[in-house]
Amino acid sequence: REGCRLGDSHGCEKLAGRSEDDESTALWQAALVLRTRGCEEEGKAEDCAVLGSYHLLGFAGKADPVLAVKAFDRGCNGGQLAACTSLGQILVTGTGVEPDY
């Protein structure tokens, strides 16, 4: 709990995975805020890759493939291979977006 309170996204995610219902949702939302800040404000490619997964899978809210593509693209451009792979899979399959072969 202390790690999450101090701004550690990993701490929030670990707690969210072990919590239930409302507490879990609040923890995922806290982690989402931290990952968004890390990606968009601090340019951390790893945070962008994780943020893409949040948006794709709907952690802490409704799934949004368009936001997932943006986050994965940013992470990929920052050198995060996992983000590149996820971006490619979404674009080839057209998961929630127009396919781009």
N, C-alpha and C. Protein backbone atom coordinates (compact mmCIF):
# COMPACT_ATOMS: atom_id res chain seq x y z
N ARG A 1 0.82 -1.21 0.00
CA ARG A 1 0.00 0.00 0.00
C ARG A 1 0.86 1.26 0.00
N GLU A 2 1.91 1.21 0.76
CA GLU A 2 2.77 2.39 0.89
C GLU A 2 3.39 2.75 -0.46
N GLY A 3 3.83 1.73 -1.21
CA GLY A 3 4.43 1.99 -2.51
C GLY A 3 3.46 2.68 -3.44
N CYS A 4 2.24 2.22 -3.48
CA CYS A 4 1.21 2.83 -4.33
C CYS A 4 0.95 4.26 -3.88
N ARG A 5 0.83 4.45 -2.58
CA ARG A 5 0.58 5.79 -2.05
C ARG A 5 1.70 6.75 -2.41
N LEU A 6 2.93 6.22 -2.49
CA LEU A 6 4.09 7.05 -2.80
C LEU A 6 4.32 7.21 -4.30
N GLY A 7 3.44 6.64 -5.12
CA GLY A 7 3.54 6.84 -6.56
C GLY A 7 4.23 5.74 -7.34
N ASP A 8 4.29 4.53 -6.78
CA ASP A 8 4.90 3.40 -7.48
C ASP A 8 3.81 2.61 -8.20
N SER A 9 3.79 2.69 -9.53
CA SER A 9 2.74 2.01 -10.30
C SER A 9 2.76 0.50 -10.08
N HIS A 10 3.95 -0.09 -9.95
CA HIS A 10 4.04 -1.53 -9.70
C HIS A 10 3.34 -1.90 -8.39
N GLY A 11 3.51 -1.07 -7.38
CA GLY A 11 2.86 -1.32 -6.10
C GLY A 11 1.35 -1.31 -6.23
N CYS A 12 0.82 -0.35 -6.98
CA CYS A 12 -0.63 -0.28 -7.19
C CYS A 12 -1.13 -1.51 -7.93
N GLU A 13 -0.39 -1.91 -8.97
CA GLU A 13 -0.81 -3.05 -9.79
C GLU A 13 -0.79 -4.35 -8.98
N LYS A 14 0.23 -4.54 -8.16
CA LYS A 14 0.30 -5.76 -7.34
C LYS A 14 -0.86 -5.81 -6.36
N LEU A 15 -1.15 -4.68 -5.73
CA LEU A 15 -2.28 -4.64 -4.80
C LEU A 15 -3.60 -4.87 -5.51
N ALA A 16 -3.76 -4.27 -6.68
CA ALA A 16 -5.02 -4.40 -7.43
C ALA A 16 -5.28 -5.86 -7.79
N GLY A 17 -4.22 -6.58 -8.14
CA GLY A 17 -4.37 -7.99 -8.49
C GLY A 17 -4.80 -8.85 -7.33
N ARG A 18 -4.57 -8.40 -6.11
CA ARG A 18 -4.91 -9.17 -4.92
C ARG A 18 -6.16 -8.64 -4.21
N SER A 19 -6.68 -7.53 -4.67
CA SER A 19 -7.83 -6.91 -4.02
C SER A 19 -9.11 -7.28 -4.76
N GLU A 20 -10.22 -6.87 -4.20
CA GLU A 20 -11.51 -7.19 -4.80
C GLU A 20 -12.34 -5.94 -5.02
N ASP A 21 -13.18 -6.01 -6.02
CA ASP A 21 -14.22 -5.05 -6.32
C ASP A 21 -13.76 -3.59 -6.30
N ASP A 22 -14.39 -2.79 -5.44
CA ASP A 22 -14.14 -1.35 -5.44
C ASP A 22 -12.70 -0.99 -5.14
N GLU A 23 -12.08 -1.69 -4.21
CA GLU A 23 -10.69 -1.39 -3.89
C GLU A 23 -9.78 -1.70 -5.07
N SER A 24 -10.03 -2.80 -5.74
CA SER A 24 -9.25 -3.18 -6.91
C SER A 24 -9.38 -2.14 -8.01
N THR A 25 -10.59 -1.69 -8.27
CA THR A 25 -10.84 -0.68 -9.30
C THR A 25 -10.09 0.61 -8.97
N ALA A 26 -10.15 1.03 -7.73
CA ALA A 26 -9.46 2.26 -7.33
C ALA A 26 -7.94 2.12 -7.49
N LEU A 27 -7.40 0.95 -7.19
CA LEU A 27 -5.97 0.73 -7.34
C LEU A 27 -5.55 0.70 -8.81
N TRP A 28 -6.37 0.05 -9.66
CA TRP A 28 -6.07 0.05 -11.10
C TRP A 28 -6.13 1.48 -11.63
N GLN A 29 -7.08 2.27 -11.16
CA GLN A 29 -7.18 3.66 -11.62
C GLN A 29 -5.97 4.47 -11.16
N ALA A 30 -5.49 4.22 -9.95
CA ALA A 30 -4.29 4.91 -9.47
C ALA A 30 -3.09 4.54 -10.32
N ALA A 31 -2.96 3.25 -10.65
CA ALA A 31 -1.86 2.81 -11.49
C ALA A 31 -1.98 3.41 -12.89
N LEU A 32 -3.21 3.51 -13.40
CA LEU A 32 -3.43 4.11 -14.72
C LEU A 32 -2.94 5.55 -14.75
N VAL A 33 -3.24 6.30 -13.72
CA VAL A 33 -2.79 7.70 -13.63
C VAL A 33 -1.26 7.75 -13.64
N LEU A 34 -0.64 6.87 -12.87
CA LEU A 34 0.83 6.87 -12.80
C LEU A 34 1.45 6.44 -14.12
N ARG A 35 0.89 5.42 -14.77
CA ARG A 35 1.41 4.98 -16.07
C ARG A 35 1.21 6.05 -17.14
N THR A 36 0.07 6.74 -17.10
CA THR A 36 -0.19 7.81 -18.06
C THR A 36 0.83 8.93 -17.88
N ARG A 37 1.08 9.31 -16.65
CA ARG A 37 2.07 10.35 -16.38
C ARG A 37 3.47 9.91 -16.87
N GLY A 38 3.82 8.68 -16.56
CA GLY A 38 5.12 8.17 -16.97
C GLY A 38 5.29 8.15 -18.48
N CYS A 39 4.23 7.79 -19.18
CA CYS A 39 4.28 7.72 -20.64
C CYS A 39 4.23 9.10 -21.28
N GLU A 40 3.18 9.84 -20.96
CA GLU A 40 2.92 11.09 -21.67
C GLU A 40 3.76 12.26 -21.20
N GLU A 41 4.05 12.33 -19.92
CA GLU A 41 4.80 13.48 -19.41
C GLU A 41 6.29 13.22 -19.28
N GLU A 42 6.63 11.96 -18.95
CA GLU A 42 8.04 11.65 -18.70
C GLU A 42 8.68 10.86 -19.84
N GLY A 43 7.89 10.43 -20.81
CA GLY A 43 8.41 9.72 -21.97
C GLY A 43 9.00 8.35 -21.69
N LYS A 44 8.49 7.67 -20.68
CA LYS A 44 9.00 6.34 -20.32
C LYS A 44 8.33 5.29 -21.20
N ALA A 45 9.13 4.66 -22.06
CA ALA A 45 8.61 3.69 -23.02
C ALA A 45 7.94 2.50 -22.34
N GLU A 46 8.49 2.04 -21.22
CA GLU A 46 7.88 0.90 -20.51
C GLU A 46 6.49 1.27 -20.03
N ASP A 47 6.33 2.48 -19.50
CA ASP A 47 5.01 2.91 -19.05
C ASP A 47 4.04 2.99 -20.22
N CYS A 48 4.52 3.41 -21.38
CA CYS A 48 3.66 3.46 -22.57
C CYS A 48 3.20 2.06 -22.97
N ALA A 49 4.10 1.09 -22.91
CA ALA A 49 3.74 -0.29 -23.25
C ALA A 49 2.67 -0.82 -22.30
N VAL A 50 2.85 -0.59 -21.02
CA VAL A 50 1.87 -1.06 -20.03
C VAL A 50 0.55 -0.29 -20.19
N LEU A 51 0.66 1.01 -20.43
CA LEU A 51 -0.54 1.83 -20.63
C LEU A 51 -1.34 1.33 -21.83
N GLY A 52 -0.66 0.94 -22.89
CA GLY A 52 -1.34 0.37 -24.05
C GLY A 52 -2.16 -0.85 -23.68
N SER A 53 -1.58 -1.70 -22.84
CA SER A 53 -2.29 -2.89 -22.39
C SER A 53 -3.50 -2.52 -21.54
N TYR A 54 -3.34 -1.53 -20.69
CA TYR A 54 -4.48 -1.04 -19.89
C TYR A 54 -5.63 -0.66 -20.80
N HIS A 55 -5.33 0.13 -21.83
CA HIS A 55 -6.39 0.60 -22.73
C HIS A 55 -6.95 -0.54 -23.57
N LEU A 56 -6.11 -1.45 -24.01
CA LEU A 56 -6.57 -2.55 -24.84
C LEU A 56 -7.48 -3.50 -24.07
N LEU A 57 -7.11 -3.79 -22.83
CA LEU A 57 -7.83 -4.78 -22.02
C LEU A 57 -8.90 -4.17 -21.12
N GLY A 58 -8.92 -2.85 -20.99
CA GLY A 58 -9.94 -2.19 -20.19
C GLY A 58 -9.65 -2.16 -18.70
N PHE A 59 -8.39 -2.28 -18.30
CA PHE A 59 -8.06 -2.12 -16.89
C PHE A 59 -8.43 -0.71 -16.48
N ALA A 60 -9.06 -0.56 -15.35
CA ALA A 60 -9.41 0.76 -14.78
C ALA A 60 -10.38 1.53 -15.66
N GLY A 61 -11.17 0.84 -16.46
CA GLY A 61 -12.15 1.54 -17.29
C GLY A 61 -12.51 0.72 -18.51
N LYS A 62 -13.16 1.38 -19.44
CA LYS A 62 -13.60 0.73 -20.67
C LYS A 62 -12.42 0.55 -21.64
N ALA A 63 -12.39 -0.59 -22.32
CA ALA A 63 -11.35 -0.83 -23.32
C ALA A 63 -11.43 0.21 -24.43
N ASP A 64 -10.27 0.69 -24.87
CA ASP A 64 -10.22 1.71 -25.93
C ASP A 64 -9.03 1.40 -26.83
N PRO A 65 -9.25 0.64 -27.91
CA PRO A 65 -8.16 0.26 -28.81
C PRO A 65 -7.45 1.45 -29.45
N VAL A 66 -8.15 2.54 -29.68
CA VAL A 66 -7.51 3.72 -30.28
C VAL A 66 -6.46 4.29 -29.33
N LEU A 67 -6.81 4.41 -28.05
CA LEU A 67 -5.83 4.88 -27.07
C LEU A 67 -4.70 3.86 -26.90
N ALA A 68 -5.03 2.58 -27.02
CA ALA A 68 -4.01 1.54 -26.92
C ALA A 68 -2.99 1.70 -28.04
N VAL A 69 -3.46 1.93 -29.26
CA VAL A 69 -2.56 2.12 -30.40
C VAL A 69 -1.64 3.31 -30.16
N LYS A 70 -2.19 4.40 -29.66
CA LYS A 70 -1.37 5.59 -29.40
C LYS A 70 -0.28 5.30 -28.37
N ALA A 71 -0.65 4.61 -27.29
CA ALA A 71 0.33 4.31 -26.24
C ALA A 71 1.38 3.32 -26.75
N PHE A 72 0.94 2.27 -27.45
CA PHE A 72 1.89 1.30 -27.98
C PHE A 72 2.84 1.96 -28.99
N ASP A 73 2.31 2.84 -29.81
CA ASP A 73 3.15 3.54 -30.79
C ASP A 73 4.22 4.37 -30.09
N ARG A 74 3.81 5.06 -29.07
CA ARG A 74 4.76 5.87 -28.30
C ARG A 74 5.83 4.99 -27.63
N GLY A 75 5.40 3.88 -27.07
CA GLY A 75 6.34 2.96 -26.44
C GLY A 75 7.28 2.33 -27.46
N CYS A 76 6.74 1.97 -28.61
CA CYS A 76 7.56 1.38 -29.67
C CYS A 76 8.61 2.38 -30.15
N ASN A 77 8.20 3.61 -30.36
CA ASN A 77 9.14 4.66 -30.78
C ASN A 77 10.19 4.93 -29.71
N GLY A 78 9.89 4.58 -28.47
CA GLY A 78 10.84 4.74 -27.38
C GLY A 78 11.73 3.52 -27.19
N GLY A 79 11.56 2.50 -28.05
CA GLY A 79 12.43 1.34 -28.02
C GLY A 79 11.92 0.15 -27.22
N GLN A 80 10.65 0.17 -26.83
CA GLN A 80 10.08 -0.94 -26.05
C GLN A 80 9.53 -1.99 -27.02
N LEU A 81 10.25 -3.10 -27.16
CA LEU A 81 9.90 -4.14 -28.13
C LEU A 81 8.50 -4.70 -27.91
N ALA A 82 8.10 -4.89 -26.67
CA ALA A 82 6.76 -5.43 -26.39
C ALA A 82 5.69 -4.50 -26.95
N ALA A 83 5.92 -3.20 -26.88
CA ALA A 83 4.95 -2.24 -27.42
C ALA A 83 4.88 -2.36 -28.94
N CYS A 84 6.02 -2.56 -29.58
CA CYS A 84 6.05 -2.74 -31.04
C CYS A 84 5.26 -3.98 -31.45
N THR A 85 5.46 -5.06 -30.72
CA THR A 85 4.77 -6.31 -31.01
C THR A 85 3.26 -6.14 -30.85
N SER A 86 2.85 -5.54 -29.76
CA SER A 86 1.42 -5.33 -29.52
C SER A 86 0.81 -4.41 -30.57
N LEU A 87 1.53 -3.35 -30.91
CA LEU A 87 1.05 -2.43 -31.94
C LEU A 87 0.85 -3.16 -33.25
N GLY A 88 1.83 -3.96 -33.64
CA GLY A 88 1.73 -4.71 -34.89
C GLY A 88 0.56 -5.66 -34.90
N GLN A 89 0.33 -6.35 -33.79
CA GLN A 89 -0.78 -7.29 -33.72
C GLN A 89 -2.13 -6.58 -33.87
N ILE A 90 -2.26 -5.44 -33.22
CA ILE A 90 -3.51 -4.68 -33.32
C ILE A 90 -3.74 -4.22 -34.75
N LEU A 91 -2.70 -3.68 -35.37
CA LEU A 91 -2.86 -3.13 -36.71
C LEU A 91 -3.11 -4.22 -37.76
N VAL A 92 -2.49 -5.36 -37.61
CA VAL A 92 -2.69 -6.44 -38.57
C VAL A 92 -4.08 -7.07 -38.42
N THR A 93 -4.50 -7.25 -37.17
CA THR A 93 -5.80 -7.90 -36.94
C THR A 93 -6.97 -6.92 -37.00
N GLY A 94 -6.68 -5.63 -36.88
CA GLY A 94 -7.76 -4.65 -36.87
C GLY A 94 -8.59 -4.70 -35.61
N THR A 95 -7.96 -4.99 -34.49
CA THR A 95 -8.65 -5.08 -33.21
C THR A 95 -9.12 -3.69 -32.76
N GLY A 96 -10.35 -3.36 -33.08
CA GLY A 96 -10.93 -2.08 -32.67
C GLY A 96 -10.50 -0.89 -33.51
N VAL A 97 -9.66 -1.13 -34.51
CA VAL A 97 -9.19 -0.06 -35.41
C VAL A 97 -9.17 -0.62 -36.83
N GLU A 98 -9.03 0.26 -37.79
CA GLU A 98 -8.90 -0.21 -39.18
C GLU A 98 -7.61 -1.00 -39.34
N PRO A 99 -7.67 -2.18 -39.97
CA PRO A 99 -6.43 -2.93 -40.21
C PRO A 99 -5.46 -2.12 -41.05
N ASP A 100 -4.20 -2.28 -40.79
CA ASP A 100 -3.15 -1.58 -41.54
C ASP A 100 -2.05 -2.58 -41.83
N TYR A 101 -2.12 -3.14 -43.04
CA TYR A 101 -1.15 -4.17 -43.41
C TYR A 101 0.10 -3.50 -43.91
